[in-house]
Amino acid sequence: MAFWQGERSTRPDVETYNAVRPGMATLPGSMLFGISSPYRKSGLLYTKYKTHFAQDDDTVLLIQAPSLALNPTLDPEIIEKAMEDDQPWHALSGWLSGEMTSAVL
């Protein structure tokens, strides 16, 4: 979600979100999920993070946790290898700083 770029839109994440929401209103109990690794301090994911992280809200659930916590089937050796091969900051942001999942109810 945080990496989404488009040739015809500078904000494809926001534009898609705004386009999908009215249709979802006709589907009782529908949920919209956005999943991403942290990337930059802009876009829909960052806006949701600033607004909803650590807030009590019945309509939005935002979770931030390292990859292994959210996906225990992930092989830890993959992460160790990435830490060895990648620039440390790159591997940290992709594997350890926490995936962010935003569920808008």
Protein backbone atom coordinates (compact mmCIF):
# COMPACT_ATOMS: atom_id res chain seq x y z
CA MET A 1 0.00 0.00 0.00
CA ALA A 2 2.77 2.47 0.88
CA PHE A 3 4.70 1.59 -2.29
CA TRP A 4 1.81 2.06 -4.73
CA GLN A 5 2.68 4.45 -7.52
CA GLY A 6 0.82 5.15 -10.71
CA GLU A 7 1.56 6.67 -14.09
CA ARG A 8 -1.76 8.51 -14.26
CA SER A 9 -2.21 9.46 -10.62
CA THR A 10 0.12 10.77 -7.98
CA ARG A 11 -2.13 9.25 -5.30
CA PRO A 12 -3.47 5.90 -6.53
CA ASP A 13 -3.88 4.66 -2.93
CA VAL A 14 -6.12 7.57 -1.95
CA GLU A 15 -8.04 7.61 -5.25
CA THR A 16 -8.79 3.87 -5.09
CA TYR A 17 -9.82 4.12 -1.43
CA ASN A 18 -12.21 6.98 -2.24
CA ALA A 19 -13.65 5.07 -5.20
CA VAL A 20 -14.24 1.82 -3.27
CA ARG A 21 -15.83 3.24 -0.11
CA PRO A 22 -19.26 4.20 -1.58
CA GLY A 23 -19.76 0.71 -3.02
CA MET A 24 -18.77 -0.89 0.26
CA ALA A 25 -21.52 1.06 2.00
CA THR A 26 -24.03 -1.17 0.18
CA LEU A 27 -22.44 -4.36 1.55
CA PRO A 28 -23.27 -4.79 5.25
CA GLY A 29 -20.30 -6.00 7.26
CA SER A 30 -17.80 -5.34 4.48
CA MET A 31 -14.20 -4.57 5.43
CA LEU A 32 -11.36 -2.95 3.56
CA PHE A 33 -7.81 -4.01 4.36
CA GLY A 34 -4.61 -2.20 3.49
CA ILE A 35 -1.34 -4.02 4.13
CA SER A 36 2.15 -2.64 3.71
CA SER A 37 5.60 -2.22 5.16
CA PRO A 38 6.36 1.32 6.28
CA TYR A 39 7.93 3.26 3.44
CA ARG A 40 7.50 7.00 3.66
CA LYS A 41 5.64 9.61 5.63
CA SER A 42 2.96 10.27 3.04
CA GLY A 43 -0.02 8.59 1.45
CA LEU A 44 -3.09 6.85 2.80
CA LEU A 45 -1.22 4.40 5.02
CA TYR A 46 0.67 7.18 6.80
CA THR A 47 -2.50 9.27 7.16
CA LYS A 48 -4.32 6.32 8.74
CA TYR A 49 -1.32 5.64 10.98
CA LYS A 50 -1.17 9.24 12.25
CA THR A 51 -4.91 9.35 12.84
CA HIS A 52 -5.64 5.90 14.27
CA PHE A 53 -2.54 4.25 15.76
CA ALA A 54 -2.96 3.68 19.52
CA GLN A 55 -6.44 5.23 19.40
CA ASP A 56 -9.66 3.61 20.56
CA ASP A 57 -11.81 3.52 17.42
CA ASP A 58 -14.55 1.01 16.58
CA THR A 59 -14.24 1.65 12.84
CA VAL A 60 -10.49 1.28 12.29
CA LEU A 61 -7.99 -1.27 13.49
CA LEU A 62 -4.35 -0.47 12.84
CA ILE A 63 -1.66 -2.99 13.75
CA GLN A 64 2.09 -2.54 13.59
CA ALA A 65 4.35 -5.54 14.22
CA PRO A 66 7.46 -7.21 12.79
CA SER A 67 6.95 -9.63 9.90
CA LEU A 68 7.53 -12.75 12.00
CA ALA A 69 4.88 -11.73 14.53
CA LEU A 70 2.27 -11.32 11.79
CA ASN A 71 3.39 -14.34 9.79
CA PRO A 72 4.90 -17.05 12.01
CA THR A 73 5.22 -19.35 8.97
CA LEU A 74 7.91 -17.05 7.58
CA ASP A 75 11.36 -18.62 7.68
CA PRO A 76 13.59 -16.56 10.05
CA GLU A 77 16.59 -17.44 7.88
CA ILE A 78 15.09 -15.35 5.06
CA ILE A 79 15.16 -12.32 7.33
CA GLU A 80 18.67 -13.09 8.57
CA LYS A 81 19.88 -13.39 4.96
CA ALA A 82 18.21 -10.10 4.05
CA MET A 83 19.91 -8.42 6.99
CA GLU A 84 23.28 -9.68 5.71
CA ASP A 85 22.67 -8.88 2.03
CA ASP A 86 20.74 -5.59 2.16
CA GLN A 87 21.68 -2.22 3.44
CA PRO A 88 20.81 -2.47 7.16
CA TRP A 89 18.24 0.34 6.98
CA HIS A 90 16.51 -1.29 4.02
CA ALA A 91 16.18 -4.69 5.67
CA LEU A 92 15.10 -3.12 8.95
CA SER A 93 12.27 -1.20 7.31
CA GLY A 94 11.13 -4.20 5.30
CA TRP A 95 11.32 -6.95 7.91
CA LEU A 96 11.70 -5.66 11.45
CA SER A 97 10.19 -2.20 11.81
CA GLY A 98 6.74 -3.59 11.44
CA GLU A 99 4.23 -4.28 8.78
CA MET A 100 1.27 -2.00 9.13
CA THR A 101 -2.17 -3.35 8.56
CA SER A 102 -5.09 -1.01 8.46
CA ALA A 103 -8.58 -2.48 8.51
CA VAL A 104 -11.30 0.04 7.89
CA LEU A 105 -14.68 -1.29 9.04
